[in-house]
C-alpha atoms as a PDB file:
ATOM      1  CA  UNK A   1       0.000   0.000   0.000  1.00  0.00           C
ATOM      2  CA  UNK A   2       1.407   3.385  -0.991  1.00  0.00           C
ATOM      3  CA  UNK A   3       1.355   6.471   1.205  1.00  0.00           C
ATOM      4  CA  UNK A   4       0.575   9.519  -0.871  1.00  0.00           C
ATOM      5  CA  UNK A   5       0.983  13.162   0.108  1.00  0.00           C
ATOM      6  CA  UNK A   6       0.004  16.252  -1.839  1.00  0.00           C
ATOM      7  CA  UNK A   7       0.996  19.887  -1.918  1.00  0.00           C
ATOM      8  CA  UNK A   8       0.021  23.066  -3.725  1.00  0.00           C
ATOM      9  CA  UNK A   9       1.925  26.320  -3.744  1.00  0.00           C
ATOM     10  CA  UNK A  10       4.550  28.304  -5.611  1.00  0.00           C
ATOM     11  CA  UNK A  11       7.920  27.289  -6.986  1.00  0.00           C
ATOM     12  CA  UNK A  12      10.803  29.643  -7.770  1.00  0.00           C
ATOM     13  CA  UNK A  13      12.922  28.804 -10.819  1.00  0.00           C
ATOM     14  CA  UNK A  14      16.169  30.435 -11.895  1.00  0.00           C
ATOM     15  CA  UNK A  15      16.736  31.590 -15.477  1.00  0.00           C
ATOM     16  CA  UNK A  16      18.414  28.258 -16.317  1.00  0.00           C
ATOM     17  CA  UNK A  17      15.406  26.279 -15.063  1.00  0.00           C
ATOM     18  CA  UNK A  18      16.935  25.299 -11.715  1.00  0.00           C
ATOM     19  CA  UNK A  19      14.382  24.989  -8.916  1.00  0.00           C
ATOM     20  CA  UNK A  20      15.499  27.303  -6.118  1.00  0.00           C
ATOM     21  CA  UNK A  21      12.651  26.604  -3.704  1.00  0.00           C
ATOM     22  CA  UNK A  22       9.029  25.516  -3.344  1.00  0.00           C
ATOM     23  CA  UNK A  23       6.611  26.974  -0.812  1.00  0.00           C
ATOM     24  CA  UNK A  24       3.511  24.849  -0.222  1.00  0.00           C
ATOM     25  CA  UNK A  25       0.654  26.993   1.015  1.00  0.00           C
ATOM     26  CA  UNK A  26      -1.506  23.849   1.262  1.00  0.00           C
ATOM     27  CA  UNK A  27      -0.348  20.280   1.889  1.00  0.00           C
ATOM     28  CA  UNK A  28      -1.651  17.060   3.403  1.00  0.00           C
ATOM     29  CA  UNK A  29      -2.108  13.310   3.066  1.00  0.00           C
ATOM     30  CA  UNK A  30      -3.752  11.768   0.014  1.00  0.00           C
ATOM     31  CA  UNK A  31      -3.552  12.861  -3.607  1.00  0.00           C
ATOM     32  CA  UNK A  32      -4.119  16.279  -5.066  1.00  0.00           C
ATOM     33  CA  UNK A  33      -7.684  16.591  -6.303  1.00  0.00           C
ATOM     34  CA  UNK A  34      -9.160  13.731  -4.283  1.00  0.00           C
ATOM     35  CA  UNK A  35     -12.558  14.251  -2.676  1.00  0.00           C
ATOM     36  CA  UNK A  36     -11.237  14.853   0.843  1.00  0.00           C
ATOM     37  CA  UNK A  37      -8.777  17.484  -0.354  1.00  0.00           C
ATOM     38  CA  UNK A  38     -11.428  19.308  -2.402  1.00  0.00           C
ATOM     39  CA  UNK A  39     -13.817  19.369   0.549  1.00  0.00           C
ATOM     40  CA  UNK A  40     -11.121  20.741   2.860  1.00  0.00           C
ATOM     41  CA  UNK A  41      -9.889  23.400   0.396  1.00  0.00           C
ATOM     42  CA  UNK A  42     -12.708  24.172  -2.060  1.00  0.00           C
ATOM     43  CA  UNK A  43     -11.190  27.513  -3.167  1.00  0.00           C
ATOM     44  CA  UNK A  44      -7.598  26.315  -3.541  1.00  0.00           C
ATOM     45  CA  UNK A  45      -7.442  26.406  -7.339  1.00  0.00           C
ATOM     46  CA  UNK A  46      -8.963  29.871  -7.495  1.00  0.00           C
ATOM     47  CA  UNK A  47      -6.521  31.223  -4.898  1.00  0.00           C
ATOM     48  CA  UNK A  48      -3.466  29.571  -6.444  1.00  0.00           C
ATOM     49  CA  UNK A  49      -4.350  30.234 -10.051  1.00  0.00           C
ATOM     50  CA  UNK A  50      -2.408  29.217 -13.142  1.00  0.00           C
ATOM     51  CA  UNK A  51      -0.441  32.350 -13.931  1.00  0.00           C
ATOM     52  CA  UNK A  52       3.365  32.457 -13.994  1.00  0.00           C
ATOM     53  CA  UNK A  53       4.983  35.587 -12.601  1.00  0.00           C
ATOM     54  CA  UNK A  54       8.360  37.076 -13.494  1.00  0.00           C
ATOM     55  CA  UNK A  55      10.574  38.713 -10.881  1.00  0.00           C
ATOM     56  CA  UNK A  56      12.973  40.741 -12.995  1.00  0.00           C
ATOM     57  CA  UNK A  57      15.044  41.923 -10.032  1.00  0.00           C
ATOM     58  CA  UNK A  58      15.962  38.352  -9.024  1.00  0.00           C
ATOM     59  CA  UNK A  59      15.692  37.072 -12.619  1.00  0.00           C
ATOM     60  CA  UNK A  60      13.421  34.214 -11.558  1.00  0.00           C
ATOM     61  CA  UNK A  61      10.033  32.819 -12.507  1.00  0.00           C
ATOM     62  CA  UNK A  62       7.418  32.053  -9.871  1.00  0.00           C
ATOM     63  CA  UNK A  63       5.017  29.319 -10.955  1.00  0.00           C
ATOM     64  CA  UNK A  64       2.033  27.601  -9.326  1.00  0.00           C
ATOM     65  CA  UNK A  65       2.636  23.948  -8.525  1.00  0.00           C
ATOM     66  CA  UNK A  66       0.309  21.079  -7.660  1.00  0.00           C
ATOM     67  CA  UNK A  67       1.974  17.810  -6.741  1.00  0.00           C
ATOM     68  CA  UNK A  68       1.304  14.316  -5.369  1.00  0.00           C
ATOM     69  CA  UNK A  69       4.140  12.025  -4.211  1.00  0.00           C
ATOM     70  CA  UNK A  70       4.618   8.551  -2.748  1.00  0.00           C
ATOM     71  CA  UNK A  71       6.539   9.244   0.462  1.00  0.00           C
ATOM     72  CA  UNK A  72       7.771   5.643   0.711  1.00  0.00           C
ATOM     73  CA  UNK A  73       9.770   6.139  -2.488  1.00  0.00           C
ATOM     74  CA  UNK A  74      12.934   8.252  -2.558  1.00  0.00           C
ATOM     75  CA  UNK A  75      12.444  11.940  -3.471  1.00  0.00           C
ATOM     76  CA  UNK A  76      12.536  12.350  -7.242  1.00  0.00           C
ATOM     77  CA  UNK A  77      12.828  16.133  -7.549  1.00  0.00           C
ATOM     78  CA  UNK A  78      13.345  19.332  -5.599  1.00  0.00           C
ATOM     79  CA  UNK A  79       9.576  19.877  -5.471  1.00  0.00           C
ATOM     80  CA  UNK A  80       9.127  16.364  -4.072  1.00  0.00           C
ATOM     81  CA  UNK A  81      11.823  16.976  -1.442  1.00  0.00           C
ATOM     82  CA  UNK A  82      10.305  20.309  -0.383  1.00  0.00           C
ATOM     83  CA  UNK A  83       6.922  18.652   0.143  1.00  0.00           C
ATOM     84  CA  UNK A  84       8.474  16.116   2.522  1.00  0.00           C
ATOM     85  CA  UNK A  85      10.225  18.910   4.427  1.00  0.00           C
ATOM     86  CA  UNK A  86       6.899  20.743   4.747  1.00  0.00           C
ATOM     87  CA  UNK A  87       5.191  17.582   6.044  1.00  0.00           C
ATOM     88  CA  UNK A  88       7.847  17.263   8.770  1.00  0.00           C
ATOM     89  CA  UNK A  89       7.781  20.906   9.842  1.00  0.00           C
ATOM     90  CA  UNK A  90       3.981  20.977   9.633  1.00  0.00           C
ATOM     91  CA  UNK A  91       3.937  18.012  12.055  1.00  0.00           C
ATOM     92  CA  UNK A  92       2.038  15.811   9.613  1.00  0.00           C
ATOM     93  CA  UNK A  93       4.950  13.359   9.696  1.00  0.00           C
ATOM     94  CA  UNK A  94       7.450  12.451  12.407  1.00  0.00           C
ATOM     95  CA  UNK A  95      11.202  12.244  11.806  1.00  0.00           C
ATOM     96  CA  UNK A  96      12.232   8.961  10.129  1.00  0.00           C
ATOM     97  CA  UNK A  97       8.697   8.286   8.886  1.00  0.00           C
ATOM     98  CA  UNK A  98       9.374   9.439   5.287  1.00  0.00           C
ATOM     99  CA  UNK A  99      11.852   8.122   2.741  1.00  0.00           C
ATOM    100  CA  UNK A 100      14.554  10.825   2.566  1.00  0.00           C
ATOM    101  CA  UNK A 101      17.146   8.820   0.610  1.00  0.00           C
ATOM    102  CA  UNK A 102      19.176  11.033  -1.721  1.00  0.00           C
ATOM    103  CA  UNK A 103      17.464  14.253  -0.679  1.00  0.00           C
ATOM    104  CA  UNK A 104      20.699  16.258  -0.952  1.00  0.00           C
ATOM    105  CA  UNK A 105      20.976  15.307  -4.611  1.00  0.00           C
ATOM    106  CA  UNK A 106      17.512  16.656  -5.398  1.00  0.00           C
ATOM    107  CA  UNK A 107      17.977  20.054  -3.713  1.00  0.00           C
ATOM    108  CA  UNK A 108      19.894  22.927  -5.280  1.00  0.00           C
ATOM    109  CA  UNK A 109      22.171  25.395  -3.550  1.00  0.00           C
ATOM    110  CA  UNK A 110      20.596  28.835  -3.314  1.00  0.00           C
ATOM    111  CA  UNK A 111      21.362  32.236  -1.846  1.00  0.00           C
ATOM    112  CA  UNK A 112      18.691  32.919   0.779  1.00  0.00           C
ATOM    113  CA  UNK A 113      17.905  36.632   0.965  1.00  0.00           C
ATOM    114  CA  UNK A 114      15.295  39.026   2.326  1.00  0.00           C
ATOM    115  CA  UNK A 115      13.851  39.188  -1.212  1.00  0.00           C
ATOM    116  CA  UNK A 116      13.644  35.414  -1.617  1.00  0.00           C
ATOM    117  CA  UNK A 117      15.996  32.772  -3.053  1.00  0.00           C
ATOM    118  CA  UNK A 118      18.548  33.869  -5.644  1.00  0.00           C
ATOM    119  CA  UNK A 119      20.733  31.803  -7.955  1.00  0.00           C
ATOM    120  CA  UNK A 120      24.315  31.610  -6.682  1.00  0.00           C
ATOM    121  CA  UNK A 121      25.674  32.499 -10.122  1.00  0.00           C
ATOM    122  CA  UNK A 122      23.512  35.627 -10.383  1.00  0.00           C
ATOM    123  CA  UNK A 123      23.970  37.053  -6.897  1.00  0.00           C
ATOM    124  CA  UNK A 124      26.164  40.025  -7.819  1.00  0.00           C
ATOM    125  CA  UNK A 125      23.870  41.067 -10.679  1.00  0.00           C
ATOM    126  CA  UNK A 126      20.833  40.816  -8.397  1.00  0.00           C
ATOM    127  CA  UNK A 127      22.596  42.862  -5.741  1.00  0.00           C
ATOM    128  CA  UNK A 128      23.371  45.541  -8.341  1.00  0.00           C
ATOM    129  CA  UNK A 129      19.760  45.701  -9.541  1.00  0.00           C
ATOM    130  CA  UNK A 130      18.549  45.930  -5.961  1.00  0.00           C
ATOM    131  CA  UNK A 131      20.895  48.843  -5.217  1.00  0.00           C
ATOM    132  CA  UNK A 132      19.824  50.607  -8.382  1.00  0.00           C
ATOM    133  CA  UNK A 133      16.212  50.245  -7.230  1.00  0.00           C
ATOM    134  CA  UNK A 134      17.075  51.750  -3.856  1.00  0.00           C
ATOM    135  CA  UNK A 135      16.918  48.438  -2.006  1.00  0.00           C
ATOM    136  CA  UNK A 136      19.461  46.588   0.125  1.00  0.00           C
ATOM    137  CA  UNK A 137      19.858  42.847  -0.438  1.00  0.00           C
ATOM    138  CA  UNK A 138      20.454  41.016   2.844  1.00  0.00           C
ATOM    139  CA  UNK A 139      21.973  37.533   2.493  1.00  0.00           C
ATOM    140  CA  UNK A 140      20.913  35.090   5.215  1.00  0.00           C
ATOM    141  CA  UNK A 141      22.975  32.178   3.935  1.00  0.00           C
ATOM    142  CA  UNK A 142      24.022  29.964   1.040  1.00  0.00           C
ATOM    143  CA  UNK A 143      22.678  26.454   1.473  1.00  0.00           C
ATOM    144  CA  UNK A 144      20.367  23.762   0.128  1.00  0.00           C
ATOM    145  CA  UNK A 145      17.957  24.114   3.046  1.00  0.00           C
ATOM    146  CA  UNK A 146      16.138  27.348   3.921  1.00  0.00           C
ATOM    147  CA  UNK A 147      15.026  28.579   7.327  1.00  0.00           C
ATOM    148  CA  UNK A 148      11.912  26.771   8.517  1.00  0.00           C
ATOM    149  CA  UNK A 149      10.057  29.883   9.644  1.00  0.00           C
ATOM    150  CA  UNK A 150      10.130  31.352   6.127  1.00  0.00           C
ATOM    151  CA  UNK A 151       7.951  28.401   5.021  1.00  0.00           C
ATOM    152  CA  UNK A 152       6.206  26.810   8.006  1.00  0.00           C
ATOM    153  CA  UNK A 153       5.445  28.239  11.462  1.00  0.00           C
ATOM    154  CA  UNK A 154       4.166  25.403  13.675  1.00  0.00           C
ATOM    155  CA  UNK A 155       1.762  26.336  16.440  1.00  0.00           C
ATOM    156  CA  UNK A 156       2.772  26.470  20.088  1.00  0.00           C
ATOM    157  CA  UNK A 157       6.536  26.949  19.685  1.00  0.00           C
ATOM    158  CA  UNK A 158       9.045  29.709  20.355  1.00  0.00           C
ATOM    159  CA  UNK A 159      12.161  30.097  18.207  1.00  0.00           C
ATOM    160  CA  UNK A 160      14.485  32.919  19.217  1.00  0.00           C
ATOM    161  CA  UNK A 161      16.625  32.884  16.031  1.00  0.00           C
ATOM    162  CA  UNK A 162      15.021  31.746  12.774  1.00  0.00           C
ATOM    163  CA  UNK A 163      18.378  30.898  11.198  1.00  0.00           C
ATOM    164  CA  UNK A 164      18.904  28.137  13.780  1.00  0.00           C
ATOM    165  CA  UNK A 165      16.068  25.893  12.582  1.00  0.00           C
ATOM    166  CA  UNK A 166      16.111  24.319   9.118  1.00  0.00           C
ATOM    167  CA  UNK A 167      13.044  23.526   7.056  1.00  0.00           C
ATOM    168  CA  UNK A 168      12.257  19.886   7.781  1.00  0.00           C
ATOM    169  CA  UNK A 169      12.696  20.217  11.544  1.00  0.00           C
ATOM    170  CA  UNK A 170       9.864  18.737  13.603  1.00  0.00           C
ATOM    171  CA  UNK A 171       9.056  20.821  16.693  1.00  0.00           C
ATOM    172  CA  UNK A 172       6.256  19.659  18.974  1.00  0.00           C
ATOM    173  CA  UNK A 173       3.860  21.926  20.847  1.00  0.00           C
ATOM    174  CA  UNK A 174       5.564  23.559  23.817  1.00  0.00           C
ATOM    175  CA  UNK A 175       9.077  23.477  22.343  1.00  0.00           C
ATOM    176  CA  UNK A 176      11.349  26.452  22.962  1.00  0.00           C
ATOM    177  CA  UNK A 177      14.481  26.907  20.828  1.00  0.00           C
ATOM    178  CA  UNK A 178      16.695  29.569  22.354  1.00  0.00           C
ATOM    179  CA  UNK A 179      19.300  31.653  20.481  1.00  0.00           C
ATOM    180  CA  UNK A 180      22.069  29.030  20.678  1.00  0.00           C
ATOM    181  CA  UNK A 181      19.697  26.133  20.069  1.00  0.00           C
ATOM    182  CA  UNK A 182      19.716  24.432  16.669  1.00  0.00           C
ATOM    183  CA  UNK A 183      17.521  21.851  14.954  1.00  0.00           C
ATOM    184  CA  UNK A 184      18.341  20.136  11.674  1.00  0.00           C
ATOM    185  CA  UNK A 185      15.938  18.553   9.169  1.00  0.00           C
ATOM    186  CA  UNK A 186      14.336  15.138   9.794  1.00  0.00           C
ATOM    187  CA  UNK A 187      14.985  15.683  13.499  1.00  0.00           C
ATOM    188  CA  UNK A 188      13.403  17.457  16.422  1.00  0.00           C
ATOM    189  CA  UNK A 189      11.171  17.142  19.456  1.00  0.00           C
ATOM    190  CA  UNK A 190       8.240  14.854  20.223  1.00  0.00           C
ATOM    191  CA  UNK A 191       6.903  16.846  23.178  1.00  0.00           C
ATOM    192  CA  UNK A 192       7.544  19.892  25.348  1.00  0.00           C
ATOM    193  CA  UNK A 193      11.293  20.551  25.330  1.00  0.00           C
ATOM    194  CA  UNK A 194      13.867  23.254  26.007  1.00  0.00           C
ATOM    195  CA  UNK A 195      16.492  23.406  23.257  1.00  0.00           C
ATOM    196  CA  UNK A 196      19.608  25.443  23.974  1.00  0.00           C
ATOM    197  CA  UNK A 197      21.995  23.043  22.254  1.00  0.00           C
ATOM    198  CA  UNK A 198      22.314  21.212  18.947  1.00  0.00           C
ATOM    199  CA  UNK A 199      19.816  18.653  17.656  1.00  0.00           C
ATOM    200  CA  UNK A 200      21.623  17.166  14.661  1.00  0.00           C
ATOM    201  CA  UNK A 201      20.032  15.507  11.631  1.00  0.00           C
ATOM    202  CA  UNK A 202      18.069  12.389  12.511  1.00  0.00           C
ATOM    203  CA  UNK A 203      17.960  13.022  16.281  1.00  0.00           C
ATOM    204  CA  UNK A 204      14.663  12.941  18.186  1.00  0.00           C
ATOM    205  CA  UNK A 205      14.120  14.319  21.694  1.00  0.00           C
ATOM    206  CA  UNK A 206      11.367  13.073  23.990  1.00  0.00           C
ATOM    207  CA  UNK A 207       8.812  15.002  26.020  1.00  0.00           C
ATOM    208  CA  UNK A 208      10.012  16.977  29.026  1.00  0.00           C
ATOM    209  CA  UNK A 209      13.711  16.943  28.101  1.00  0.00           C
ATOM    210  CA  UNK A 210      16.181  19.824  28.325  1.00  0.00           C
ATOM    211  CA  UNK A 211      19.043  20.164  25.822  1.00  0.00           C
ATOM    212  CA  UNK A 212      21.408  22.454  27.749  1.00  0.00           C
ATOM    213  CA  UNK A 213      23.249  25.487  26.414  1.00  0.00           C
ATOM    214  CA  UNK A 214      26.099  24.616  24.034  1.00  0.00           C
ATOM    215  CA  UNK A 215      25.407  20.881  24.195  1.00  0.00           C
ATOM    216  CA  UNK A 216      25.562  18.609  21.163  1.00  0.00           C
ATOM    217  CA  UNK A 217      23.910  15.412  19.991  1.00  0.00           C
ATOM    218  CA  UNK A 218      25.697  13.467  17.257  1.00  0.00           C
ATOM    219  CA  UNK A 219      23.724  13.049  14.045  1.00  0.00           C
ATOM    220  CA  UNK A 220      23.850  10.412  11.343  1.00  0.00           C
ATOM    221  CA  UNK A 221      25.241  12.467   8.447  1.00  0.00           C
ATOM    222  CA  UNK A 222      28.646  13.966   9.222  1.00  0.00           C
ATOM    223  CA  UNK A 223      30.573  10.782   9.967  1.00  0.00           C
ATOM    224  CA  UNK A 224      28.580   8.509   7.718  1.00  0.00           C
ATOM    225  CA  UNK A 225      27.009   6.761  10.697  1.00  0.00           C
ATOM    226  CA  UNK A 226      23.694   4.949  10.506  1.00  0.00           C
ATOM    227  CA  UNK A 227      22.598   4.721  14.161  1.00  0.00           C
ATOM    228  CA  UNK A 228      19.668   6.955  14.987  1.00  0.00           C
ATOM    229  CA  UNK A 229      20.427   8.792  18.216  1.00  0.00           C
ATOM    230  CA  UNK A 230      17.509   9.635  20.473  1.00  0.00           C
ATOM    231  CA  UNK A 231      16.895  11.180  23.875  1.00  0.00           C
ATOM    232  CA  UNK A 232      14.054   9.835  25.950  1.00  0.00           C
ATOM    233  CA  UNK A 233      11.585  11.665  28.136  1.00  0.00           C
ATOM    234  CA  UNK A 234      12.486  13.886  31.110  1.00  0.00           C
ATOM    235  CA  UNK A 235      16.228  13.877  30.334  1.00  0.00           C
ATOM    236  CA  UNK A 236      18.791  16.599  30.992  1.00  0.00           C
ATOM    237  CA  UNK A 237      21.789  17.087  28.736  1.00  0.00           C
ATOM    238  CA  UNK A 238      23.940  19.521  30.710  1.00  0.00           C
ATOM    239  CA  UNK A 239      25.495  22.704  29.353  1.00  0.00           C
ATOM    240  CA  UNK A 240      28.358  22.004  26.910  1.00  0.00           C
ATOM    241  CA  UNK A 241      27.786  18.260  27.264  1.00  0.00           C
ATOM    242  CA  UNK A 242      27.326  15.861  24.373  1.00  0.00           C
ATOM    243  CA  UNK A 243      26.324  12.338  23.468  1.00  0.00           C
ATOM    244  CA  UNK A 244      26.985   9.864  20.693  1.00  0.00           C
ATOM    245  CA  UNK A 245      24.676   7.275  22.236  1.00  0.00           C
ATOM    246  CA  UNK A 246      20.950   7.249  22.888  1.00  0.00           C
ATOM    247  CA  UNK A 247      19.522   8.068  26.288  1.00  0.00           C
ATOM    248  CA  UNK A 248      16.506   6.294  27.720  1.00  0.00           C
ATOM    249  CA  UNK A 249      13.969   8.052  29.928  1.00  0.00           C
ATOM    250  CA  UNK A 250      15.000  10.044  33.027  1.00  0.00           C
ATOM    251  CA  UNK A 251      18.717  10.280  32.214  1.00  0.00           C
ATOM    252  CA  UNK A 252      21.231  13.033  33.013  1.00  0.00           C
ATOM    253  CA  UNK A 253      24.616  13.874  31.478  1.00  0.00           C
ATOM    254  CA  UNK A 254      26.562  16.317  33.597  1.00  0.00           C
ATOM    255  CA  UNK A 255      27.701  19.648  32.206  1.00  0.00           C
ATOM    256  CA  UNK A 256      30.823  19.514  30.059  1.00  0.00           C
ATOM    257  CA  UNK A 257      30.865  15.719  29.682  1.00  0.00           C
ATOM    258  CA  UNK A 258      30.897  14.262  26.170  1.00  0.00           C
ATOM    259  CA  UNK A 259      29.985  10.589  25.987  1.00  0.00           C
ATOM    260  CA  UNK A 260      30.709   8.883  22.662  1.00  0.00           C
ATOM    261  CA  UNK A 261      29.995   5.270  21.825  1.00  0.00           C
ATOM    262  CA  UNK A 262      33.579   4.222  22.617  1.00  0.00           C
ATOM    263  CA  UNK A 263      33.924   6.154  25.891  1.00  0.00           C
ATOM    264  CA  UNK A 264      35.009   3.783  28.727  1.00  0.00           C
ATOM    265  CA  UNK A 265      32.380   4.046  31.459  1.00  0.00           C
ATOM    266  CA  UNK A 266      32.611   2.691  35.009  1.00  0.00           C
ATOM    267  CA  UNK A 267      29.442   0.871  36.106  1.00  0.00           C
ATOM    268  CA  UNK A 268      28.697  -1.278  39.168  1.00  0.00           C
ATOM    269  CA  UNK A 269      29.467  -4.300  36.961  1.00  0.00           C
ATOM    270  CA  UNK A 270      32.795  -2.915  35.742  1.00  0.00           C
ATOM    271  CA  UNK A 271      34.078  -0.816  32.837  1.00  0.00           C
ATOM    272  CA  UNK A 272      32.114  -1.016  29.583  1.00  0.00           C
ATOM    273  CA  UNK A 273      31.974   0.943  26.344  1.00  0.00           C
ATOM    274  CA  UNK A 274      29.251   3.603  26.498  1.00  0.00           C
ATOM    275  CA  UNK A 275      27.448   2.084  23.504  1.00  0.00           C
ATOM    276  CA  UNK A 276      26.533  -0.870  25.748  1.00  0.00           C
ATOM    277  CA  UNK A 277      24.497   1.541  27.877  1.00  0.00           C
ATOM    278  CA  UNK A 278      22.746   3.185  24.926  1.00  0.00           C
ATOM    279  CA  UNK A 279      19.012   3.611  25.456  1.00  0.00           C
ATOM    280  CA  UNK A 280      18.910   2.545  29.117  1.00  0.00           C
ATOM    281  CA  UNK A 281      16.583   4.399  31.465  1.00  0.00           C
ATOM    282  CA  UNK A 282      17.446   6.273  34.635  1.00  0.00           C
ATOM    283  CA  UNK A 283      21.214   6.703  34.206  1.00  0.00           C
ATOM    284  CA  UNK A 284      23.375   9.592  35.369  1.00  0.00           C
ATOM    285  CA  UNK A 285      26.679  10.115  33.554  1.00  0.00           C
ATOM    286  CA  UNK A 286      29.312  12.003  35.569  1.00  0.00           C
ATOM    287  CA  UNK A 287      33.087  12.354  35.610  1.00  0.00           C
ATOM    288  CA  UNK A 288      35.171  11.597  38.708  1.00  0.00           C
ATOM    289  CA  UNK A 289      36.773  14.896  39.693  1.00  0.00           C
ATOM    290  CA  UNK A 290      40.030  13.240  40.765  1.00  0.00           C
ATOM    291  CA  UNK A 291      40.600  10.430  38.267  1.00  0.00           C
ATOM    292  CA  UNK A 292      38.670  11.730  35.239  1.00  0.00           C
ATOM    293  CA  UNK A 293      36.913   8.353  34.951  1.00  0.00           C
ATOM    294  CA  UNK A 294      33.443   8.556  33.391  1.00  0.00           C
ATOM    295  CA  UNK A 295      30.890   6.933  35.675  1.00  0.00           C
ATOM    296  CA  UNK A 296      27.320   5.795  35.019  1.00  0.00           C
ATOM    297  CA  UNK A 297      25.124   5.183  38.012  1.00  0.00           C
ATOM    298  CA  UNK A 298      21.460   4.687  38.586  1.00  0.00           C
ATOM    299  CA  UNK A 299      19.746   7.943  39.458  1.00  0.00           C
ATOM    300  CA  UNK A 300      18.198   8.290  42.878  1.00  0.00           C
ATOM    301  CA  UNK A 301      17.134  11.956  42.770  1.00  0.00           C
ATOM    302  CA  UNK A 302      15.498  14.342  40.331  1.00  0.00           C
ATOM    303  CA  UNK A 303      17.179  17.044  38.267  1.00  0.00           C
ATOM    304  CA  UNK A 304      14.008  19.093  38.456  1.00  0.00           C
ATOM    305  CA  UNK A 305      11.777  19.699  35.475  1.00  0.00           C
ATOM    306  CA  UNK A 306      10.978  22.190  32.766  1.00  0.00           C
ATOM    307  CA  UNK A 307       9.391  25.488  33.768  1.00  0.00           C
ATOM    308  CA  UNK A 308       5.778  25.285  32.594  1.00  0.00           C
ATOM    309  CA  UNK A 309       5.558  29.060  32.196  1.00  0.00           C
ATOM    310  CA  UNK A 310       8.366  29.026  29.629  1.00  0.00           C
ATOM    311  CA  UNK A 311       6.620  26.440  27.461  1.00  0.00           C
ATOM    312  CA  UNK A 312       3.122  27.872  27.312  1.00  0.00           C
ATOM    313  CA  UNK A 313       3.563  29.295  23.826  1.00  0.00           C
ATOM    314  CA  UNK A 314       0.250  30.888  22.909  1.00  0.00           C
END
């Protein structure tokens, strides 16, 4: 059985036909034009229209797009990939629930500006035309992924710096991403969370967990790894700490301690590699102040909890 998703919106194409971005104003499960979609959005076609627009300043064409894709197949185009990213950020799909194989190959590098995406090869000419028109072109970045908030703003979240969250991030209701927090695509939170550190690609964080300032969670892309790292519920990853293993529920990693899969860890049963403790509940990882030995022990107390007032994001 196939799983189909649909989207309708506007695509931006450079003068050479390269797709720079796609913004889906409407998207959901099913196929475009099916009865359920038409009932939910009866005026969609009239609002979207059929007309292509030219933006002479950026030298791009903006075209309406209507698309249906099988999300269990690998993305076949930039428009296909953008729909999957919208589904994730719109919380219609959880991380790891869509086939994202080869997504980097389908997306094109673009210059992300206050006027919209610009072709990398045409940036200086666009900047000149903007100046001549009395405008200032602000460049936010050069990348294949845009900022999430320029495309999707999920309800019930706070994000202090839009540049720190990529399109394709999944942020649950009650999530707060502070200025130094970061969330990559196909990753994110499954419940109320405080994010002041880095959630790398593929990582999921459970309800009630706190990712401390400057902390880091290893992803699956940079080193070519395949293990999906996760943090369970009610965990605390201390400031400037980091993990390369999964944490079960109710775990704590002390500030400044980085635990990789090969880190030797002292347990009541002896020294083991940290990967042998991956995913276990109720562990506290600390470092002996005299010997430097990393220790894992069963927690007997509570680190506290998230401040409810900070996560009521109306």
